Amino acid sequence: MAKMAKDYSSYGPAYRNLTVRDDVFVPEPMADFSGDNPFTRMAAIRGEIKDLKFDENYTYLDHSLKFRIGHVLCYVALWTAAFFLNWLRYGLKVEGREKIRRNRKLFKNGVMTVCNHVYRWDMMCVFRAMGHRMAWIPMYSEPFKGSDNWVMRHIGGVAIPEERGGLRKFNEAMDELHSKKQWIHIFPESCSWKFYSPIRPFKIGAFNMAYRYGLPVVPMVISFRPRTGWRKYFCKDEPLVSISVGDPIIPDLSLPRKAETARIRDLAHSTMLDMAGIITNPWPSCID
């Protein structure tokens, strides 16, 4: 008799029709996730809210010596501390990191990595998968108004303006980073849902940027494991985490932008589903 797939309907509408491989662990929901809007912003802005405007006068890239020193120190401190935290608290495992090493020549002019956005330290998972390499991270701008501003900027965060006046300056900043062959990371789900297993739809902006700059796209996916061993005795409501690295997706610049960016997006999404062991997903690759 065939084994029945586990039913996750009790987890809420955001898990509708979810089926996974037998070896995949789906943690219980940490919040009431929206079954209608996959872009619902769940994480509150931390600390006192500053009056910042992300317009043409905002500094998207800080070229000062003070910032450059802070950028390196912040990266080293967070890489070290978060690596230890991710190992101690979440038992972080990295799979497929050799795909980064063996494609160094392909990445010589830069690369874009994408990953699902599932907890506070997930960027540190991405850094760990990259090896000892920095990346710049376009981010939703509102959290820059809170107490995480310094860390977000110095770890490589670039605020994405919601005001039309800032878009030209933002694009100029990204042009500059690309001209310096910097690595770029984007969470195409746009906002974090804590320990949410399904892969949500992707915003098209990341893939438009990859096409614009001709960047290979490396999909990564964070998945979860049940707590085992001595880690069962603390943070019992949180799973352990793994991050898997996929093969790079190369944009075909001979094809029209709209069709090719959709192809890259859809392929990245399906690749991440495969790596996460998801057979049927509650969400499509995009929502128009």
C-alpha atoms as a PDB file:
ATOM      1  CA  MET A   1       0.000   0.000   0.000  1.00  0.00           C
ATOM      2  CA  ALA A   2       1.356   3.421  -0.957  1.00  0.00           C
ATOM      3  CA  LYS A   3       2.311   5.667   1.925  1.00  0.00           C
ATOM      4  CA  MET A   4      -0.025   8.614   2.405  1.00  0.00           C
ATOM      5  CA  ALA A   5       1.556  12.083   2.195  1.00  0.00           C
ATOM      6  CA  LYS A   6       1.380  14.036   5.434  1.00  0.00           C
ATOM      7  CA  ASP A   7      -1.452  16.572   5.554  1.00  0.00           C
ATOM      8  CA  TYR A   8      -0.301  20.061   6.595  1.00  0.00           C
ATOM      9  CA  SER A   9      -3.751  21.686   6.372  1.00  0.00           C
ATOM     10  CA  SER A  10      -3.822  22.083  10.175  1.00  0.00           C
ATOM     11  CA  TYR A  11      -0.831  24.438   9.834  1.00  0.00           C
ATOM     12  CA  GLY A  12      -3.062  27.046   8.171  1.00  0.00           C
ATOM     13  CA  PRO A  13      -3.967  28.288   4.685  1.00  0.00           C
ATOM     14  CA  ALA A  14      -0.376  29.277   3.883  1.00  0.00           C
ATOM     15  CA  TYR A  15       0.428  25.530   3.822  1.00  0.00           C
ATOM     16  CA  ARG A  16      -2.446  24.510   1.539  1.00  0.00           C
ATOM     17  CA  ASN A  17      -1.668  21.545  -0.737  1.00  0.00           C
ATOM     18  CA  LEU A  18       1.914  21.318   0.546  1.00  0.00           C
ATOM     19  CA  THR A  19       3.518  17.940  -0.036  1.00  0.00           C
ATOM     20  CA  VAL A  20       7.162  17.085   0.538  1.00  0.00           C
ATOM     21  CA  ARG A  21       9.510  14.137   0.249  1.00  0.00           C
ATOM     22  CA  ASP A  22       9.432  11.633   3.108  1.00  0.00           C
ATOM     23  CA  ASP A  23      12.817  12.863   4.374  1.00  0.00           C
ATOM     24  CA  VAL A  24      11.761  16.531   4.591  1.00  0.00           C
ATOM     25  CA  PHE A  25      10.940  18.123   7.937  1.00  0.00           C
ATOM     26  CA  VAL A  26       8.307  20.875   8.023  1.00  0.00           C
ATOM     27  CA  PRO A  27       8.352  22.768  11.347  1.00  0.00           C
ATOM     28  CA  GLU A  28       5.117  23.913  12.923  1.00  0.00           C
ATOM     29  CA  PRO A  29       4.205  27.540  12.128  1.00  0.00           C
ATOM     30  CA  MET A  30       5.878  30.252  14.202  1.00  0.00           C
ATOM     31  CA  ALA A  31       3.155  32.789  13.320  1.00  0.00           C
ATOM     32  CA  ASP A  32      -0.177  33.130  11.534  1.00  0.00           C
ATOM     33  CA  PHE A  33       1.132  33.369   7.980  1.00  0.00           C
ATOM     34  CA  SER A  34      -1.146  34.908   5.373  1.00  0.00           C
ATOM     35  CA  GLY A  35      -2.704  32.454   2.968  1.00  0.00           C
ATOM     36  CA  ASP A  36      -3.586  35.282   0.569  1.00  0.00           C
ATOM     37  CA  ASN A  37      -0.631  37.676   0.506  1.00  0.00           C
ATOM     38  CA  PRO A  38       2.831  36.048   0.419  1.00  0.00           C
ATOM     39  CA  PHE A  39       4.453  39.482   0.702  1.00  0.00           C
ATOM     40  CA  THR A  40       2.932  40.298   4.104  1.00  0.00           C
ATOM     41  CA  ARG A  41       5.668  41.861   6.223  1.00  0.00           C
ATOM     42  CA  MET A  42       5.813  39.868   9.437  1.00  0.00           C
ATOM     43  CA  ALA A  43       8.926  41.264  11.143  1.00  0.00           C
ATOM     44  CA  ALA A  44       8.456  44.436  13.165  1.00  0.00           C
ATOM     45  CA  ILE A  45      10.934  47.288  12.786  1.00  0.00           C
ATOM     46  CA  ARG A  46      13.207  47.196  15.818  1.00  0.00           C
ATOM     47  CA  GLY A  47      13.776  50.162  18.123  1.00  0.00           C
ATOM     48  CA  GLU A  48      12.866  53.820  17.760  1.00  0.00           C
ATOM     49  CA  ILE A  49      11.742  54.815  14.261  1.00  0.00           C
ATOM     50  CA  LYS A  50      13.947  57.435  12.597  1.00  0.00           C
ATOM     51  CA  ASP A  51      12.646  59.958  10.093  1.00  0.00           C
ATOM     52  CA  LEU A  52      14.588  58.851   7.025  1.00  0.00           C
ATOM     53  CA  LYS A  53      13.584  59.581   3.460  1.00  0.00           C
ATOM     54  CA  PHE A  54      14.889  57.287   0.745  1.00  0.00           C
ATOM     55  CA  ASP A  55      14.935  59.873  -1.992  1.00  0.00           C
ATOM     56  CA  GLU A  56      17.562  61.394  -4.276  1.00  0.00           C
ATOM     57  CA  ASN A  57      19.378  62.864  -1.248  1.00  0.00           C
ATOM     58  CA  TYR A  58      19.800  59.597   0.644  1.00  0.00           C
ATOM     59  CA  THR A  59      23.280  58.004   0.631  1.00  0.00           C
ATOM     60  CA  TYR A  60      22.800  54.569  -0.934  1.00  0.00           C
ATOM     61  CA  LEU A  61      26.544  53.843  -1.025  1.00  0.00           C
ATOM     62  CA  ASP A  62      28.790  55.444   1.582  1.00  0.00           C
ATOM     63  CA  HIS A  63      32.316  56.000   0.245  1.00  0.00           C
ATOM     64  CA  SER A  64      33.792  57.396   3.467  1.00  0.00           C
ATOM     65  CA  LEU A  65      36.822  55.794   5.123  1.00  0.00           C
ATOM     66  CA  LYS A  66      34.802  55.457   8.336  1.00  0.00           C
ATOM     67  CA  PHE A  67      32.182  53.397   6.523  1.00  0.00           C
ATOM     68  CA  ARG A  68      34.727  51.201   4.748  1.00  0.00           C
ATOM     69  CA  ILE A  69      36.428  50.356   8.031  1.00  0.00           C
ATOM     70  CA  GLY A  70      33.064  49.713   9.697  1.00  0.00           C
ATOM     71  CA  HIS A  71      31.982  47.556   6.756  1.00  0.00           C
ATOM     72  CA  VAL A  72      34.966  45.233   7.111  1.00  0.00           C
ATOM     73  CA  LEU A  73      34.775  45.091  10.907  1.00  0.00           C
ATOM     74  CA  CYS A  74      31.026  44.466  10.868  1.00  0.00           C
ATOM     75  CA  TYR A  75      31.394  41.685   8.321  1.00  0.00           C
ATOM     76  CA  VAL A  76      34.197  39.975  10.260  1.00  0.00           C
ATOM     77  CA  ALA A  77      32.390  40.311  13.597  1.00  0.00           C
ATOM     78  CA  LEU A  78      29.032  39.137  12.294  1.00  0.00           C
ATOM     79  CA  TRP A  79      30.515  36.368  10.162  1.00  0.00           C
ATOM     80  CA  THR A  80      32.370  35.029  13.220  1.00  0.00           C
ATOM     81  CA  ALA A  81      29.600  35.545  15.787  1.00  0.00           C
ATOM     82  CA  ALA A  82      26.747  34.477  13.539  1.00  0.00           C
ATOM     83  CA  PHE A  83      28.655  31.428  12.329  1.00  0.00           C
ATOM     84  CA  PHE A  84      29.051  30.348  15.949  1.00  0.00           C
ATOM     85  CA  LEU A  85      25.409  31.195  16.722  1.00  0.00           C
ATOM     86  CA  ASN A  86      24.141  29.364  13.634  1.00  0.00           C
ATOM     87  CA  TRP A  87      26.252  26.326  14.511  1.00  0.00           C
ATOM     88  CA  LEU A  88      25.410  26.351  18.219  1.00  0.00           C
ATOM     89  CA  ARG A  89      21.740  27.262  18.067  1.00  0.00           C
ATOM     90  CA  TYR A  90      20.695  26.024  14.620  1.00  0.00           C
ATOM     91  CA  GLY A  91      23.222  23.314  13.755  1.00  0.00           C
ATOM     92  CA  LEU A  92      23.889  24.939  10.377  1.00  0.00           C
ATOM     93  CA  LYS A  93      24.902  22.561   7.583  1.00  0.00           C
ATOM     94  CA  VAL A  94      26.015  23.690   4.111  1.00  0.00           C
ATOM     95  CA  GLU A  95      25.486  21.482   1.066  1.00  0.00           C
ATOM     96  CA  GLY A  96      26.830  22.151  -2.418  1.00  0.00           C
ATOM     97  CA  ARG A  97      29.388  24.823  -1.528  1.00  0.00           C
ATOM     98  CA  GLU A  98      31.772  23.268  -4.070  1.00  0.00           C
ATOM     99  CA  LYS A  99      29.523  24.780  -6.785  1.00  0.00           C
ATOM    100  CA  ILE A 100      30.766  28.197  -5.678  1.00  0.00           C
ATOM    101  CA  ARG A 101      34.416  27.132  -5.718  1.00  0.00           C
ATOM    102  CA  ARG A 102      34.386  25.388  -9.087  1.00  0.00           C
ATOM    103  CA  ASN A 103      32.641  28.276 -10.874  1.00  0.00           C
ATOM    104  CA  ARG A 104      35.034  31.053  -9.847  1.00  0.00           C
ATOM    105  CA  LYS A 105      35.894  31.865 -13.457  1.00  0.00           C
ATOM    106  CA  LEU A 106      32.194  32.123 -14.322  1.00  0.00           C
ATOM    107  CA  PHE A 107      31.751  34.557 -11.422  1.00  0.00           C
ATOM    108  CA  LYS A 108      34.767  36.746 -12.259  1.00  0.00           C
ATOM    109  CA  ASN A 109      32.522  39.677 -13.269  1.00  0.00           C
ATOM    110  CA  GLY A 110      30.147  39.218 -10.359  1.00  0.00           C
ATOM    111  CA  VAL A 111      27.253  36.955  -9.469  1.00  0.00           C
ATOM    112  CA  MET A 112      23.803  37.197  -7.956  1.00  0.00           C
ATOM    113  CA  THR A 113      22.708  34.763  -5.269  1.00  0.00           C
ATOM    114  CA  VAL A 114      19.072  34.315  -4.255  1.00  0.00           C
ATOM    115  CA  CYS A 115      17.599  32.501  -1.259  1.00  0.00           C
ATOM    116  CA  ASN A 116      14.370  32.110   0.670  1.00  0.00           C
ATOM    117  CA  HIS A 117      14.005  34.547   3.592  1.00  0.00           C
ATOM    118  CA  VAL A 118      13.150  32.591   6.724  1.00  0.00           C
ATOM    119  CA  TYR A 119      14.833  33.914   9.881  1.00  0.00           C
ATOM    120  CA  ARG A 120      16.942  36.697  11.312  1.00  0.00           C
ATOM    121  CA  TRP A 121      20.338  35.104  10.619  1.00  0.00           C
ATOM    122  CA  ASP A 122      19.652  33.688   7.151  1.00  0.00           C
ATOM    123  CA  MET A 123      22.044  36.133   5.472  1.00  0.00           C
ATOM    124  CA  MET A 124      24.797  34.641   7.602  1.00  0.00           C
ATOM    125  CA  CYS A 125      23.870  31.244   6.155  1.00  0.00           C
ATOM    126  CA  VAL A 126      24.329  32.711   2.672  1.00  0.00           C
ATOM    127  CA  PHE A 127      27.707  34.193   3.602  1.00  0.00           C
ATOM    128  CA  ARG A 128      28.748  30.804   4.968  1.00  0.00           C
ATOM    129  CA  ALA A 129      27.716  29.119   1.721  1.00  0.00           C
ATOM    130  CA  MET A 130      29.666  31.709  -0.283  1.00  0.00           C
ATOM    131  CA  GLY A 131      32.840  31.158   1.729  1.00  0.00           C
ATOM    132  CA  HIS A 132      34.840  34.146   2.912  1.00  0.00           C
ATOM    133  CA  ARG A 133      33.231  36.622   0.528  1.00  0.00           C
ATOM    134  CA  MET A 134      31.267  39.803   1.026  1.00  0.00           C
ATOM    135  CA  ALA A 135      28.125  40.661  -0.899  1.00  0.00           C
ATOM    136  CA  TRP A 136      25.857  43.669  -1.254  1.00  0.00           C
ATOM    137  CA  ILE A 137      22.201  43.155  -0.385  1.00  0.00           C
ATOM    138  CA  PRO A 138      19.359  45.315  -1.743  1.00  0.00           C
ATOM    139  CA  MET A 139      16.832  45.403   1.116  1.00  0.00           C
ATOM    140  CA  TYR A 140      13.347  46.678   1.838  1.00  0.00           C
ATOM    141  CA  SER A 141      13.990  50.221   3.084  1.00  0.00           C
ATOM    142  CA  GLU A 142      11.692  50.575   6.116  1.00  0.00           C
ATOM    143  CA  PRO A 143      13.831  48.527   8.581  1.00  0.00           C
ATOM    144  CA  PHE A 144      16.676  50.997   7.935  1.00  0.00           C
ATOM    145  CA  LYS A 145      14.612  53.445  10.010  1.00  0.00           C
ATOM    146  CA  GLY A 146      15.004  51.275  13.123  1.00  0.00           C
ATOM    147  CA  SER A 147      17.806  50.290  15.454  1.00  0.00           C
ATOM    148  CA  ASP A 148      19.242  47.794  12.943  1.00  0.00           C
ATOM    149  CA  ASN A 149      20.264  50.638  10.599  1.00  0.00           C
ATOM    150  CA  TRP A 150      23.998  50.544  11.384  1.00  0.00           C
ATOM    151  CA  VAL A 151      24.287  46.777  11.073  1.00  0.00           C
ATOM    152  CA  MET A 152      22.164  46.619   7.914  1.00  0.00           C
ATOM    153  CA  ARG A 153      24.236  49.283   6.148  1.00  0.00           C
ATOM    154  CA  HIS A 154      27.614  47.981   7.283  1.00  0.00           C
ATOM    155  CA  ILE A 155      26.907  44.360   6.434  1.00  0.00           C
ATOM    156  CA  GLY A 156      26.246  45.498   2.864  1.00  0.00           C
ATOM    157  CA  GLY A 157      22.587  46.471   2.846  1.00  0.00           C
ATOM    158  CA  VAL A 158      21.434  48.919   0.170  1.00  0.00           C
ATOM    159  CA  ALA A 159      17.997  50.425   0.817  1.00  0.00           C
ATOM    160  CA  ILE A 160      15.500  49.953  -2.006  1.00  0.00           C
ATOM    161  CA  PRO A 161      13.596  53.243  -2.263  1.00  0.00           C
ATOM    162  CA  GLU A 162       9.833  53.262  -2.428  1.00  0.00           C
ATOM    163  CA  GLU A 163       9.875  56.891  -3.515  1.00  0.00           C
ATOM    164  CA  ARG A 164      10.315  57.505  -7.240  1.00  0.00           C
ATOM    165  CA  GLY A 165      12.926  60.175  -6.595  1.00  0.00           C
ATOM    166  CA  GLY A 166      15.346  57.673  -5.081  1.00  0.00           C
ATOM    167  CA  LEU A 167      15.244  55.044  -7.822  1.00  0.00           C
ATOM    168  CA  ARG A 168      17.776  56.787 -10.071  1.00  0.00           C
ATOM    169  CA  LYS A 169      20.274  57.080  -7.224  1.00  0.00           C
ATOM    170  CA  PHE A 170      19.659  53.478  -6.190  1.00  0.00           C
ATOM    171  CA  ASN A 171      20.265  52.302  -9.767  1.00  0.00           C
ATOM    172  CA  GLU A 172      23.447  54.358  -9.938  1.00  0.00           C
ATOM    173  CA  ALA A 173      24.647  52.667  -6.747  1.00  0.00           C
ATOM    174  CA  MET A 174      23.974  49.215  -8.198  1.00  0.00           C
ATOM    175  CA  ASP A 175      25.685  50.224 -11.464  1.00  0.00           C
ATOM    176  CA  GLU A 176      28.750  51.187  -9.449  1.00  0.00           C
ATOM    177  CA  LEU A 177      28.798  47.908  -7.559  1.00  0.00           C
ATOM    178  CA  HIS A 178      28.502  45.955 -10.799  1.00  0.00           C
ATOM    179  CA  SER A 179      31.305  47.975 -12.397  1.00  0.00           C
ATOM    180  CA  LYS A 180      33.495  46.835  -9.477  1.00  0.00           C
ATOM    181  CA  LYS A 181      32.451  43.201 -10.072  1.00  0.00           C
ATOM    182  CA  GLN A 182      30.867  42.924  -6.647  1.00  0.00           C
ATOM    183  CA  TRP A 183      28.636  40.029  -5.614  1.00  0.00           C
ATOM    184  CA  ILE A 184      24.962  40.811  -5.021  1.00  0.00           C
ATOM    185  CA  HIS A 185      22.487  38.871  -2.911  1.00  0.00           C
ATOM    186  CA  ILE A 186      18.703  39.289  -3.039  1.00  0.00           C
ATOM    187  CA  PHE A 187      15.876  37.649  -1.120  1.00  0.00           C
ATOM    188  CA  PRO A 188      13.301  37.586  -3.946  1.00  0.00           C
ATOM    189  CA  GLU A 189      10.452  36.729  -1.547  1.00  0.00           C
ATOM    190  CA  SER A 190      11.065  40.329  -0.322  1.00  0.00           C
ATOM    191  CA  CYS A 191      10.293  39.795   3.391  1.00  0.00           C
ATOM    192  CA  SER A 192      11.008  37.226   6.076  1.00  0.00           C
ATOM    193  CA  TRP A 193       8.570  34.575   7.332  1.00  0.00           C
ATOM    194  CA  LYS A 194      10.153  32.836  10.298  1.00  0.00           C
ATOM    195  CA  PHE A 195      10.896  29.143   9.623  1.00  0.00           C
ATOM    196  CA  TYR A 196       8.311  28.915   6.844  1.00  0.00           C
ATOM    197  CA  SER A 197       9.019  25.837   4.700  1.00  0.00           C
ATOM    198  CA  PRO A 198       7.187  26.501   1.387  1.00  0.00           C
ATOM    199  CA  ILE A 199       8.830  28.777  -1.175  1.00  0.00           C
ATOM    200  CA  ARG A 200       6.845  31.958  -1.732  1.00  0.00           C
ATOM    201  CA  PRO A 201       6.488  33.776  -5.083  1.00  0.00           C
ATOM    202  CA  PHE A 202       9.432  35.829  -6.305  1.00  0.00           C
ATOM    203  CA  LYS A 203       9.527  39.512  -7.120  1.00  0.00           C
ATOM    204  CA  ILE A 204      10.814  40.051 -10.651  1.00  0.00           C
ATOM    205  CA  GLY A 205      13.226  42.896  -9.743  1.00  0.00           C
ATOM    206  CA  ALA A 206      16.096  40.583  -8.778  1.00  0.00           C
ATOM    207  CA  PHE A 207      15.987  38.839 -12.136  1.00  0.00           C
ATOM    208  CA  ASN A 208      15.644  42.075 -14.087  1.00  0.00           C
ATOM    209  CA  MET A 209      18.874  43.145 -12.379  1.00  0.00           C
ATOM    210  CA  ALA A 210      20.584  39.860 -13.244  1.00  0.00           C
ATOM    211  CA  TYR A 211      19.584  40.293 -16.907  1.00  0.00           C
ATOM    212  CA  ARG A 212      20.633  43.937 -16.941  1.00  0.00           C
ATOM    213  CA  TYR A 213      24.129  43.109 -15.714  1.00  0.00           C
ATOM    214  CA  GLY A 214      24.441  39.669 -17.311  1.00  0.00           C
ATOM    215  CA  LEU A 215      24.999  38.042 -13.917  1.00  0.00           C
ATOM    216  CA  PRO A 216      24.833  34.305 -13.286  1.00  0.00           C
ATOM    217  CA  VAL A 217      22.128  33.571 -10.702  1.00  0.00           C
ATOM    218  CA  VAL A 218      22.969  31.029  -7.997  1.00  0.00           C
ATOM    219  CA  PRO A 219      19.863  29.724  -6.206  1.00  0.00           C
ATOM    220  CA  MET A 220      20.241  28.742  -2.564  1.00  0.00           C
ATOM    221  CA  VAL A 221      17.573  27.347  -0.265  1.00  0.00           C
ATOM    222  CA  ILE A 222      17.321  27.069   3.503  1.00  0.00           C
ATOM    223  CA  SER A 223      15.506  24.008   4.771  1.00  0.00           C
ATOM    224  CA  PHE A 224      14.924  22.599   8.226  1.00  0.00           C
ATOM    225  CA  ARG A 225      15.709  19.603  10.395  1.00  0.00           C
ATOM    226  CA  PRO A 226      14.253  18.467  13.732  1.00  0.00           C
ATOM    227  CA  ARG A 227      16.321  19.121  16.828  1.00  0.00           C
ATOM    228  CA  THR A 228      18.517  16.221  17.847  1.00  0.00           C
ATOM    229  CA  GLY A 229      21.194  15.464  20.427  1.00  0.00           C
ATOM    230  CA  TRP A 230      22.140  18.119  22.956  1.00  0.00           C
ATOM    231  CA  ARG A 231      20.426  20.863  20.898  1.00  0.00           C
ATOM    232  CA  LYS A 232      17.046  19.398  21.914  1.00  0.00           C
ATOM    233  CA  TYR A 233      17.491  20.943  25.352  1.00  0.00           C
ATOM    234  CA  PHE A 234      17.236  24.611  24.273  1.00  0.00           C
ATOM    235  CA  CYS A 235      15.316  26.638  21.656  1.00  0.00           C
ATOM    236  CA  LYS A 236      12.953  23.669  21.473  1.00  0.00           C
ATOM    237  CA  ASP A 237      10.397  25.515  19.342  1.00  0.00           C
ATOM    238  CA  GLU A 238      12.922  26.308  16.591  1.00  0.00           C
ATOM    239  CA  PRO A 239      14.251  23.837  13.994  1.00  0.00           C
ATOM    240  CA  LEU A 240      17.820  23.219  12.923  1.00  0.00           C
ATOM    241  CA  VAL A 241      18.767  24.652   9.525  1.00  0.00           C
ATOM    242  CA  SER A 242      20.588  23.607   6.365  1.00  0.00           C
ATOM    243  CA  ILE A 243      21.444  25.665   3.298  1.00  0.00           C
ATOM    244  CA  SER A 244      21.868  24.089  -0.145  1.00  0.00           C
ATOM    245  CA  VAL A 245      23.602  25.684  -3.136  1.00  0.00           C
ATOM    246  CA  GLY A 246      22.275  25.097  -6.644  1.00  0.00           C
ATOM    247  CA  ASP A 247      23.915  25.264 -10.054  1.00  0.00           C
ATOM    248  CA  PRO A 248      24.257  28.737 -11.593  1.00  0.00           C
ATOM    249  CA  ILE A 249      21.596  29.908 -14.035  1.00  0.00           C
ATOM    250  CA  ILE A 250      23.030  31.899 -16.940  1.00  0.00           C
ATOM    251  CA  PRO A 251      20.891  34.658 -18.489  1.00  0.00           C
ATOM    252  CA  ASP A 252      20.581  34.460 -22.260  1.00  0.00           C
ATOM    253  CA  LEU A 253      21.016  38.095 -23.240  1.00  0.00           C
ATOM    254  CA  SER A 254      20.092  37.353 -26.856  1.00  0.00           C
ATOM    255  CA  LEU A 255      16.482  36.804 -25.743  1.00  0.00           C
ATOM    256  CA  PRO A 256      14.004  39.605 -24.968  1.00  0.00           C
ATOM    257  CA  ARG A 257      14.341  40.897 -21.400  1.00  0.00           C
ATOM    258  CA  LYS A 258      10.772  40.227 -20.285  1.00  0.00           C
ATOM    259  CA  ALA A 259      10.711  36.603 -21.422  1.00  0.00           C
ATOM    260  CA  GLU A 260      14.219  35.835 -20.180  1.00  0.00           C
ATOM    261  CA  THR A 261      13.787  37.348 -16.735  1.00  0.00           C
ATOM    262  CA  ALA A 262      10.612  35.294 -16.315  1.00  0.00           C
ATOM    263  CA  ARG A 263      12.507  32.152 -17.363  1.00  0.00           C
ATOM    264  CA  ILE A 264      15.323  32.818 -14.877  1.00  0.00           C
ATOM    265  CA  ARG A 265      12.841  33.531 -12.091  1.00  0.00           C
ATOM    266  CA  ASP A 266      10.798  30.392 -12.763  1.00  0.00           C
ATOM    267  CA  LEU A 267      13.898  28.199 -13.037  1.00  0.00           C
ATOM    268  CA  ALA A 268      15.358  29.575  -9.800  1.00  0.00           C
ATOM    269  CA  HIS A 269      12.041  28.955  -8.043  1.00  0.00           C
ATOM    270  CA  SER A 270      11.675  25.375  -9.318  1.00  0.00           C
ATOM    271  CA  THR A 271      15.331  24.630  -8.522  1.00  0.00           C
ATOM    272  CA  MET A 272      14.844  25.775  -4.956  1.00  0.00           C
ATOM    273  CA  LEU A 273      11.711  23.639  -4.623  1.00  0.00           C
ATOM    274  CA  ASP A 274      13.687  20.605  -5.784  1.00  0.00           C
ATOM    275  CA  MET A 275      16.561  21.296  -3.392  1.00  0.00           C
ATOM    276  CA  ALA A 276      14.107  21.772  -0.507  1.00  0.00           C
ATOM    277  CA  GLY A 277      12.345  18.475  -1.317  1.00  0.00           C
ATOM    278  CA  ILE A 278       8.997  20.162  -1.981  1.00  0.00           C
ATOM    279  CA  ILE A 279       6.765  18.175  -4.333  1.00  0.00           C
ATOM    280  CA  THR A 280       3.752  20.496  -4.466  1.00  0.00           C
ATOM    281  CA  ASN A 281       4.002  24.061  -3.239  1.00  0.00           C
ATOM    282  CA  PRO A 282       1.216  26.359  -2.008  1.00  0.00           C
ATOM    283  CA  TRP A 283       2.482  29.231  -4.164  1.00  0.00           C
ATOM    284  CA  PRO A 284       3.336  29.784  -7.841  1.00  0.00           C
ATOM    285  CA  SER A 285       6.707  31.230  -8.842  1.00  0.00           C
ATOM    286  CA  CYS A 286       5.174  34.682  -9.254  1.00  0.00           C
ATOM    287  CA  ILE A 287       2.044  36.710  -8.650  1.00  0.00           C
ATOM    288  CA  ASP A 288       1.383  39.327 -11.327  1.00  0.00           C
END
